[in-house]
C-alpha atoms as a PDB file:
ATOM      1  CA  MET A   1       0.134   0.285   0.252  1.00  0.00           C
ATOM      2  CA  THR A   2       3.176   2.086   0.860  1.00  0.00           C
ATOM      3  CA  ARG A   3       4.576   1.178  -2.342  1.00  0.00           C
ATOM      4  CA  ASN A   4       1.318   2.464  -4.188  1.00  0.00           C
ATOM      5  CA  TRP A   5       1.304   5.585  -2.774  1.00  0.00           C
ATOM      6  CA  ARG A   6       4.494   6.510  -3.276  1.00  0.00           C
ATOM      7  CA  ARG A   7       3.944   5.620  -6.853  1.00  0.00           C
ATOM      8  CA  ALA A   8       1.008   7.746  -7.769  1.00  0.00           C
ATOM      9  CA  ALA A   9       3.118  10.935  -5.484  1.00  0.00           C
ATOM     10  CA  GLY A  10       5.875  10.223  -7.993  1.00  0.00           C
ATOM     11  CA  LEU A  11       3.622  10.292 -10.697  1.00  0.00           C
ATOM     12  CA  LEU A  12       2.413  13.700  -9.746  1.00  0.00           C
ATOM     13  CA  VAL A  13       5.350  14.878  -8.198  1.00  0.00           C
ATOM     14  CA  GLY A  14       4.202  18.617  -6.747  1.00  0.00           C
ATOM     15  CA  ALA A  15       1.354  21.120  -8.266  1.00  0.00           C
ATOM     16  CA  VAL A  16       2.376  22.723 -11.011  1.00  0.00           C
ATOM     17  CA  THR A  17       2.035  26.916 -10.589  1.00  0.00           C
ATOM     18  CA  LEU A  18       1.861  29.938 -13.259  1.00  0.00           C
ATOM     19  CA  THR A  19       5.288  30.848 -13.913  1.00  0.00           C
ATOM     20  CA  GLY A  20       5.743  34.462 -12.505  1.00  0.00           C
ATOM     21  CA  VAL A  21       2.701  34.440 -10.037  1.00  0.00           C
ATOM     22  CA  GLU A  22       3.046  32.454  -7.146  1.00  0.00           C
ATOM     23  CA  THR A  23       2.556  35.488  -5.412  1.00  0.00           C
ATOM     24  CA  ALA A  24      -0.383  37.367  -7.126  1.00  0.00           C
ATOM     25  CA  HIS A  25      -2.715  38.415  -5.234  1.00  0.00           C
ATOM     26  CA  ALA A  26      -6.968  38.416  -5.665  1.00  0.00           C
ATOM     27  CA  GLU A  27      -8.186  42.051  -5.337  1.00  0.00           C
ATOM     28  CA  VAL A  28      -9.832  41.925  -9.209  1.00  0.00           C
ATOM     29  CA  LEU A  29     -11.965  39.534  -8.029  1.00  0.00           C
ATOM     30  CA  ARG A  30     -13.361  42.370  -6.134  1.00  0.00           C
ATOM     31  CA  ALA A  31     -15.708  43.842  -8.883  1.00  0.00           C
ATOM     32  CA  ARG A  32     -17.197  40.483 -10.132  1.00  0.00           C
ATOM     33  CA  ALA A  33     -20.688  40.140 -11.235  1.00  0.00           C
ATOM     34  CA  ALA A  34     -22.386  37.292  -9.789  1.00  0.00           C
ATOM     35  CA  GLN A  35     -23.651  34.610 -12.144  1.00  0.00           C
ATOM     36  CA  ALA A  36     -26.574  33.469 -12.940  1.00  0.00           C
ATOM     37  CA  VAL A  37     -28.059  29.914 -14.058  1.00  0.00           C
ATOM     38  CA  PRO A  38     -31.804  30.678 -14.438  1.00  0.00           C
ATOM     39  CA  ASP A  39     -31.768  27.235 -15.416  1.00  0.00           C
ATOM     40  CA  LEU A  40     -30.544  25.581 -12.744  1.00  0.00           C
ATOM     41  CA  GLY A  41     -31.847  28.533 -10.440  1.00  0.00           C
ATOM     42  CA  LEU A  42     -28.367  29.112  -9.418  1.00  0.00           C
ATOM     43  CA  THR A  43     -25.821  32.113  -8.370  1.00  0.00           C
ATOM     44  CA  ILE A  44     -22.502  31.660  -8.471  1.00  0.00           C
ATOM     45  CA  SER A  45     -20.115  34.355  -7.359  1.00  0.00           C
ATOM     46  CA  VAL A  46     -16.138  34.870  -6.457  1.00  0.00           C
ATOM     47  CA  SER A  47     -14.336  37.606  -4.369  1.00  0.00           C
ATOM     48  CA  SER A  48     -11.229  37.699  -2.387  1.00  0.00           C
ATOM     49  CA  ASP A  49     -10.820  37.947   1.314  1.00  0.00           C
ATOM     50  CA  ASN A  50      -8.079  39.728   3.206  1.00  0.00           C
ATOM     51  CA  ASP A  51      -6.477  35.963   3.829  1.00  0.00           C
ATOM     52  CA  GLY A  52      -5.176  35.477   0.260  1.00  0.00           C
ATOM     53  CA  SER A  53      -7.594  33.446  -0.851  1.00  0.00           C
ATOM     54  CA  VAL A  54     -10.369  33.353  -3.307  1.00  0.00           C
ATOM     55  CA  VAL A  55     -13.521  32.461  -1.668  1.00  0.00           C
ATOM     56  CA  LEU A  56     -16.754  31.266  -4.171  1.00  0.00           C
ATOM     57  CA  ALA A  57     -20.157  31.104  -2.638  1.00  0.00           C
ATOM     58  CA  ALA A  58     -23.237  29.729  -4.577  1.00  0.00           C
ATOM     59  CA  THR A  59     -26.634  29.193  -3.842  1.00  0.00           C
ATOM     60  CA  ALA A  60     -29.717  26.837  -5.477  1.00  0.00           C
ATOM     61  CA  GLY A  61     -32.807  26.623  -3.496  1.00  0.00           C
ATOM     62  CA  ASP A  62     -31.626  25.312  -0.111  1.00  0.00           C
ATOM     63  CA  LEU A  63     -28.265  24.311  -1.061  1.00  0.00           C
ATOM     64  CA  SER A  64     -25.380  26.243  -0.560  1.00  0.00           C
ATOM     65  CA  VAL A  65     -21.783  25.951  -1.013  1.00  0.00           C
ATOM     66  CA  HIS A  66     -19.034  27.710  -0.178  1.00  0.00           C
ATOM     67  CA  LYS A  67     -14.877  27.250  -0.867  1.00  0.00           C
ATOM     68  CA  ARG A  68     -11.986  28.969  -0.453  1.00  0.00           C
ATOM     69  CA  VAL A  69      -8.804  28.510  -2.522  1.00  0.00           C
ATOM     70  CA  TYR A  70      -5.370  29.379  -2.137  1.00  0.00           C
ATOM     71  CA  VAL A  71      -3.125  30.296  -4.285  1.00  0.00           C
ATOM     72  CA  ASP A  72      -1.046  26.458  -4.222  1.00  0.00           C
ATOM     73  CA  GLY A  73      -4.582  25.137  -5.314  1.00  0.00           C
ATOM     74  CA  THR A  74      -5.609  24.108  -1.310  1.00  0.00           C
ATOM     75  CA  TYR A  75      -8.606  24.970  -0.320  1.00  0.00           C
ATOM     76  CA  ALA A  76     -12.177  23.918   1.747  1.00  0.00           C
ATOM     77  CA  VAL A  77     -15.439  23.645   0.681  1.00  0.00           C
ATOM     78  CA  ARG A  78     -18.361  23.229   2.082  1.00  0.00           C
ATOM     79  CA  ILE A  79     -21.673  22.373   1.271  1.00  0.00           C
ATOM     80  CA  ARG A  80     -24.833  22.646   3.191  1.00  0.00           C
ATOM     81  CA  ARG A  81     -28.598  21.884   2.283  1.00  0.00           C
ATOM     82  CA  GLY A  82     -30.748  22.511   5.956  1.00  0.00           C
ATOM     83  CA  SER A  83     -29.447  20.806   8.162  1.00  0.00           C
ATOM     84  CA  ASP A  84     -27.066  18.347   6.928  1.00  0.00           C
ATOM     85  CA  GLU A  85     -23.322  19.911   5.779  1.00  0.00           C
ATOM     86  CA  VAL A  86     -20.528  18.182   4.445  1.00  0.00           C
ATOM     87  CA  VAL A  87     -16.841  19.642   4.362  1.00  0.00           C
ATOM     88  CA  ILE A  88     -14.304  18.734   2.425  1.00  0.00           C
ATOM     89  CA  SER A  89     -10.650  20.111   2.648  1.00  0.00           C
ATOM     90  CA  ALA A  90      -7.556  19.333   1.136  1.00  0.00           C
ATOM     91  CA  THR A  91      -3.842  20.136   1.447  1.00  0.00           C
ATOM     92  CA  PRO A  92      -0.534  18.690  -0.375  1.00  0.00           C
ATOM     93  CA  GLY A  93      -0.798  15.858   2.533  1.00  0.00           C
ATOM     94  CA  GLY A  94      -3.773  14.472   1.449  1.00  0.00           C
ATOM     95  CA  THR A  95      -7.864  15.458   1.553  1.00  0.00           C
ATOM     96  CA  ARG A  96     -10.421  15.547   5.203  1.00  0.00           C
ATOM     97  CA  VAL A  97     -14.162  14.945   4.917  1.00  0.00           C
ATOM     98  CA  ALA A  98     -16.570  15.699   7.717  1.00  0.00           C
ATOM     99  CA  ALA A  99     -20.063  14.425   7.127  1.00  0.00           C
ATOM    100  CA  GLY A 100     -22.942  12.998   8.845  1.00  0.00           C
ATOM    101  CA  GLY A 101     -20.407  13.236  12.424  1.00  0.00           C
ATOM    102  CA  ALA A 102     -17.356  11.495  11.060  1.00  0.00           C
ATOM    103  CA  VAL A 103     -14.192  13.012   9.999  1.00  0.00           C
ATOM    104  CA  ASP A 104     -11.892  10.688   7.815  1.00  0.00           C
ATOM    105  CA  GLU A 105      -8.396  11.774   6.568  1.00  0.00           C
ATOM    106  CA  LEU A 106      -7.480  10.210   3.447  1.00  0.00           C
ATOM    107  CA  ARG A 107      -3.626  10.903   3.474  1.00  0.00           C
ATOM    108  CA  SER A 108      -0.902   9.354   1.621  1.00  0.00           C
ATOM    109  CA  ASP A 109       0.868   7.919   4.626  1.00  0.00           C
ATOM    110  CA  ALA A 110      -2.691   6.358   5.782  1.00  0.00           C
ATOM    111  CA  GLY A 111      -1.281   2.527   4.625  1.00  0.00           C
ATOM    112  CA  ARG A 112      -3.614  -0.095   4.893  1.00  0.00           C
ATOM    113  CA  SER A 113      -5.981   1.978   6.157  1.00  0.00           C
ATOM    114  CA  PHE A 114      -6.949   4.414   3.714  1.00  0.00           C
ATOM    115  CA  GLU A 115      -9.121   1.322   1.434  1.00  0.00           C
ATOM    116  CA  ALA A 116     -11.152   1.658   5.174  1.00  0.00           C
ATOM    117  CA  ARG A 117     -11.190   5.403   5.093  1.00  0.00           C
ATOM    118  CA  ALA A 118     -12.128   5.796   1.922  1.00  0.00           C
ATOM    119  CA  ARG A 119     -15.575   3.378   2.028  1.00  0.00           C
ATOM    120  CA  ARG A 120     -16.525   5.586   4.813  1.00  0.00           C
ATOM    121  CA  VAL A 121     -16.125   8.394   3.301  1.00  0.00           C
ATOM    122  CA  ARG A 122     -18.494   6.603   0.141  1.00  0.00           C
ATOM    123  CA  GLU A 123     -21.352   6.435   2.858  1.00  0.00           C
ATOM    124  CA  SER A 124     -21.208   9.259   4.406  1.00  0.00           C
ATOM    125  CA  LEU A 125     -21.947  10.955   1.249  1.00  0.00           C
ATOM    126  CA  ALA A 126     -24.422   8.542  -0.308  1.00  0.00           C
ATOM    127  CA  ARG A 127     -26.405   9.055   2.769  1.00  0.00           C
ATOM    128  CA  SER A 128     -26.119  12.597   2.147  1.00  0.00           C
ATOM    129  CA  GLU A 129     -29.111  14.981   0.859  1.00  0.00           C
ATOM    130  CA  ALA A 130     -26.795  18.282   0.170  1.00  0.00           C
ATOM    131  CA  ILE A 131     -24.203  16.135  -1.691  1.00  0.00           C
ATOM    132  CA  GLN A 132     -26.617  14.581  -3.839  1.00  0.00           C
ATOM    133  CA  ARG A 133     -28.005  17.742  -4.314  1.00  0.00           C
ATOM    134  CA  PHE A 134     -24.686  19.180  -5.014  1.00  0.00           C
ATOM    135  CA  ARG A 135     -23.961  16.484  -7.708  1.00  0.00           C
ATOM    136  CA  GLN A 136     -26.937  17.091  -9.948  1.00  0.00           C
ATOM    137  CA  ILE A 137     -26.053  20.885 -10.334  1.00  0.00           C
ATOM    138  CA  ALA A 138     -22.025  20.100 -10.969  1.00  0.00           C
ATOM    139  CA  ALA A 139     -23.880  17.404 -13.506  1.00  0.00           C
ATOM    140  CA  ALA A 140     -25.761  19.743 -15.138  1.00  0.00           C
ATOM    141  CA  LEU A 141     -23.073  22.251 -15.152  1.00  0.00           C
ATOM    142  CA  ASP A 142     -20.833  19.842 -16.821  1.00  0.00           C
ATOM    143  CA  ASP A 143     -23.879  19.038 -19.451  1.00  0.00           C
ATOM    144  CA  LEU A 144     -24.009  22.662 -20.246  1.00  0.00           C
ATOM    145  CA  GLU A 145     -20.259  22.614 -20.283  1.00  0.00           C
ATOM    146  CA  GLU A 146     -20.414  26.383 -18.730  1.00  0.00           C
ATOM    147  CA  ALA A 147     -16.665  27.114 -18.869  1.00  0.00           C
ATOM    148  CA  THR A 148     -16.975  30.854 -16.944  1.00  0.00           C
ATOM    149  CA  PRO A 149     -14.494  30.794 -13.691  1.00  0.00           C
ATOM    150  CA  GLU A 150     -17.490  30.854 -11.806  1.00  0.00           C
ATOM    151  CA  ALA A 151     -19.447  27.516 -13.205  1.00  0.00           C
ATOM    152  CA  LEU A 152     -15.876  25.977 -13.728  1.00  0.00           C
ATOM    153  CA  GLY A 153     -14.728  26.490  -9.948  1.00  0.00           C
ATOM    154  CA  LEU A 154     -18.431  24.463  -8.950  1.00  0.00           C
ATOM    155  CA  ARG A 155     -17.393  21.809 -12.058  1.00  0.00           C
ATOM    156  CA  ILE A 156     -13.947  20.790 -10.175  1.00  0.00           C
ATOM    157  CA  THR A 157     -15.460  20.238  -6.672  1.00  0.00           C
ATOM    158  CA  GLY A 158     -18.180  18.453  -8.587  1.00  0.00           C
ATOM    159  CA  ALA A 159     -15.460  16.237 -10.205  1.00  0.00           C
ATOM    160  CA  VAL A 160     -13.533  15.439  -6.641  1.00  0.00           C
ATOM    161  CA  VAL A 161     -17.012  15.019  -4.588  1.00  0.00           C
ATOM    162  CA  ALA A 162     -17.839  12.636  -7.413  1.00  0.00           C
ATOM    163  CA  GLU A 163     -14.634  10.752  -6.871  1.00  0.00           C
ATOM    164  CA  LEU A 164     -14.969  10.676  -3.777  1.00  0.00           C
ATOM    165  CA  ALA A 165     -18.522   9.001  -3.802  1.00  0.00           C
ATOM    166  CA  GLY A 166     -17.265   5.961  -6.236  1.00  0.00           C
ATOM    167  CA  ASP A 167     -17.649   7.378  -9.441  1.00  0.00           C
ATOM    168  CA  PRO A 168     -13.972   6.486 -10.503  1.00  0.00           C
ATOM    169  CA  ALA A 169     -14.123   8.708 -14.009  1.00  0.00           C
ATOM    170  CA  ALA A 170     -15.619  11.452 -12.716  1.00  0.00           C
ATOM    171  CA  ALA A 171     -11.842  13.909 -12.675  1.00  0.00           C
ATOM    172  CA  ARG A 172     -11.135  12.683 -15.792  1.00  0.00           C
ATOM    173  CA  ARG A 173     -14.165  13.437 -17.606  1.00  0.00           C
ATOM    174  CA  LEU A 174     -13.585  16.732 -16.802  1.00  0.00           C
ATOM    175  CA  SER A 175      -9.733  16.824 -17.221  1.00  0.00           C
ATOM    176  CA  ARG A 176     -10.714  15.775 -20.911  1.00  0.00           C
ATOM    177  CA  ALA A 177     -13.341  18.077 -21.328  1.00  0.00           C
ATOM    178  CA  MET A 178     -10.906  21.068 -20.264  1.00  0.00           C
ATOM    179  CA  GLY A 179      -8.538  19.574 -22.226  1.00  0.00           C
ATOM    180  CA  ARG A 180     -10.601  19.869 -25.378  1.00  0.00           C
ATOM    181  CA  ARG A 181     -11.188  23.613 -24.706  1.00  0.00           C
ATOM    182  CA  HIS A 182      -8.105  24.558 -23.895  1.00  0.00           C
ATOM    183  CA  GLY A 183      -6.022  21.913 -26.544  1.00  0.00           C
ATOM    184  CA  ALA A 184      -7.716  24.194 -29.419  1.00  0.00           C
ATOM    185  CA  ASN A 185      -5.527  26.933 -28.477  1.00  0.00           C
ATOM    186  CA  LEU A 186      -2.533  24.789 -28.525  1.00  0.00           C
ATOM    187  CA  ARG A 187      -0.582  27.609 -30.455  1.00  0.00           C
ATOM    188  CA  SER A 188      -1.355  30.238 -27.769  1.00  0.00           C
ATOM    189  CA  VAL A 189      -0.608  27.836 -25.306  1.00  0.00           C
ATOM    190  CA  GLN A 190       2.827  27.748 -26.219  1.00  0.00           C
ATOM    191  CA  THR A 191       3.976  30.926 -26.570  1.00  0.00           C
ATOM    192  CA  GLY A 192       2.437  31.507 -23.193  1.00  0.00           C
ATOM    193  CA  SER A 193       2.725  35.138 -23.041  1.00  0.00           C
ATOM    194  CA  THR A 194      -0.657  36.071 -20.979  1.00  0.00           C
ATOM    195  CA  CYS A 195      -2.537  34.861 -17.960  1.00  0.00           C
ATOM    196  CA  TYR A 196      -4.891  32.711 -19.460  1.00  0.00           C
ATOM    197  CA  ASP A 197      -1.771  31.292 -21.800  1.00  0.00           C
ATOM    198  CA  ARG A 198       0.078  29.979 -18.628  1.00  0.00           C
ATOM    199  CA  TYR A 199      -3.611  29.617 -17.496  1.00  0.00           C
ATOM    200  CA  GLN A 200      -4.499  26.894 -20.202  1.00  0.00           C
ATOM    201  CA  ALA A 201      -0.634  25.218 -20.110  1.00  0.00           C
ATOM    202  CA  ILE A 202      -1.317  23.985 -16.427  1.00  0.00           C
ATOM    203  CA  VAL A 203      -4.826  22.677 -17.208  1.00  0.00           C
ATOM    204  CA  LEU A 204      -2.992  20.494 -20.324  1.00  0.00           C
ATOM    205  CA  THR A 205       0.235  19.169 -18.168  1.00  0.00           C
ATOM    206  CA  ALA A 206      -2.148  17.911 -15.365  1.00  0.00           C
ATOM    207  CA  ALA A 207      -4.477  16.331 -18.004  1.00  0.00           C
ATOM    208  CA  ARG A 208      -1.538  14.623 -19.072  1.00  0.00           C
ATOM    209  CA  GLN A 209      -0.155  13.863 -15.792  1.00  0.00           C
ATOM    210  CA  LEU A 210      -3.802  12.745 -14.676  1.00  0.00           C
ATOM    211  CA  GLU A 211      -3.829  10.223 -17.127  1.00  0.00           C
ATOM    212  CA  THR A 212      -0.162   9.020 -16.903  1.00  0.00           C
ATOM    213  CA  CYS A 213      -1.006   8.440 -13.025  1.00  0.00           C
ATOM    214  CA  LEU A 214      -4.701   6.522 -13.503  1.00  0.00           C
ATOM    215  CA  GLY A 215      -3.476   4.881 -15.750  1.00  0.00           C
ATOM    216  CA  SER A 216      -1.035   3.052 -13.249  1.00  0.00           C
ATOM    217  CA  PHE A 217      -4.009   1.663 -11.512  1.00  0.00           C
ATOM    218  CA  ASN A 218      -6.948  -0.626 -11.312  1.00  0.00           C
ATOM    219  CA  PRO A 219     -10.367   1.572 -11.807  1.00  0.00           C
ATOM    220  CA  PHE A 220     -11.520   0.274  -8.184  1.00  0.00           C
ATOM    221  CA  ASN A 221      -7.843   0.232  -6.823  1.00  0.00           C
ATOM    222  CA  PRO A 222      -8.849   3.549  -4.160  1.00  0.00           C
ATOM    223  CA  ILE A 223      -5.247   4.540  -3.708  1.00  0.00           C
ATOM    224  CA  ARG A 224      -6.266   6.284  -7.762  1.00  0.00           C
ATOM    225  CA  ASN A 225      -7.891   8.857  -5.682  1.00  0.00           C
ATOM    226  CA  MET A 226      -4.359  10.365  -4.722  1.00  0.00           C
ATOM    227  CA  CYS A 227      -3.893  10.975  -8.636  1.00  0.00           C
ATOM    228  CA  VAL A 228      -7.184  12.547  -8.401  1.00  0.00           C
ATOM    229  CA  PHE A 229      -6.195  14.713  -5.231  1.00  0.00           C
ATOM    230  CA  VAL A 230      -3.343  16.499  -6.851  1.00  0.00           C
ATOM    231  CA  TRP A 231      -5.121  16.867 -10.362  1.00  0.00           C
ATOM    232  CA  THR A 232      -7.444  18.793  -8.229  1.00  0.00           C
ATOM    233  CA  LEU A 233      -4.924  20.944  -6.418  1.00  0.00           C
ATOM    234  CA  GLN A 234      -3.096  22.014  -9.974  1.00  0.00           C
ATOM    235  CA  VAL A 235      -6.238  23.242 -11.272  1.00  0.00           C
ATOM    236  CA  GLU A 236      -7.710  24.587  -8.629  1.00  0.00           C
ATOM    237  CA  SER A 237      -3.984  26.831  -7.902  1.00  0.00           C
ATOM    238  CA  ALA A 238      -4.721  27.332 -12.075  1.00  0.00           C
ATOM    239  CA  TRP A 239      -7.784  28.819 -10.993  1.00  0.00           C
ATOM    240  CA  PHE A 240      -6.865  31.033  -8.269  1.00  0.00           C
ATOM    241  CA  GLN A 241      -4.243  31.965 -10.137  1.00  0.00           C
ATOM    242  CA  PHE A 242      -5.692  32.781 -13.506  1.00  0.00           C
ATOM    243  CA  LEU A 243      -8.328  35.417 -11.569  1.00  0.00           C
ATOM    244  CA  ALA A 244      -5.530  36.517  -9.557  1.00  0.00           C
ATOM    245  CA  CYS A 245      -3.565  37.713 -12.383  1.00  0.00           C
ATOM    246  CA  SER A 246      -6.041  38.797 -15.151  1.00  0.00           C
ATOM    247  CA  SER A 247     -10.052  39.988 -14.710  1.00  0.00           C
ATOM    248  CA  VAL A 248     -10.607  38.922 -18.466  1.00  0.00           C
ATOM    249  CA  PRO A 249     -13.054  35.500 -17.883  1.00  0.00           C
ATOM    250  CA  LEU A 250     -12.686  32.286 -18.879  1.00  0.00           C
ATOM    251  CA  ARG A 251     -13.628  31.262 -22.741  1.00  0.00           C
END
């Protein structure tokens, strides 16, 4: 088990950052307007906070999502519906899930206990009404191919939640969708002259690394979640840093 963790970590060593903006801040986000998706009854906004994070807030009826993302891609997201609340947070060391009164940490040093913890997380998420509703919203955004920064922030979280809930193809689907969108601009990506170019380059690099890592494991091997966790940090960091260095919407 430990050897498998090391193999996954070796395949995706370190989260890639956007060159030249590692210390970027997010003051430009203060002026962004909220995005509405009327068909889903959904409103999403992004803003900056004094601690240097980007904050995404979304509501759809009685569902609320609050996510805080930092420059290195570490994040914490709270998904709530009525009294039901799930909190997921991630660092390079692993992912922590608090749901149904239980807390489980899926860490790179978990060893043989990782599979049991992953199973408890799946069971907790399956019982959560907040998670079921959130997954419906995230899937609808995927179907609509919504690619604004606001919607993309929810779709990234939707992919990692789906993986934690037992969908072994969720992150790969989103990664490939993002790759198709940005791969069409490959010449611009190779030039890398703007924030958007560098953002695209990170997304494409993360996609290639995710494919390599996932290809090393059986689809039902829970250790493969390590690949998804690192990919998530990469694309969250890219999302943060693009917003922090440019007020131009993602195309």
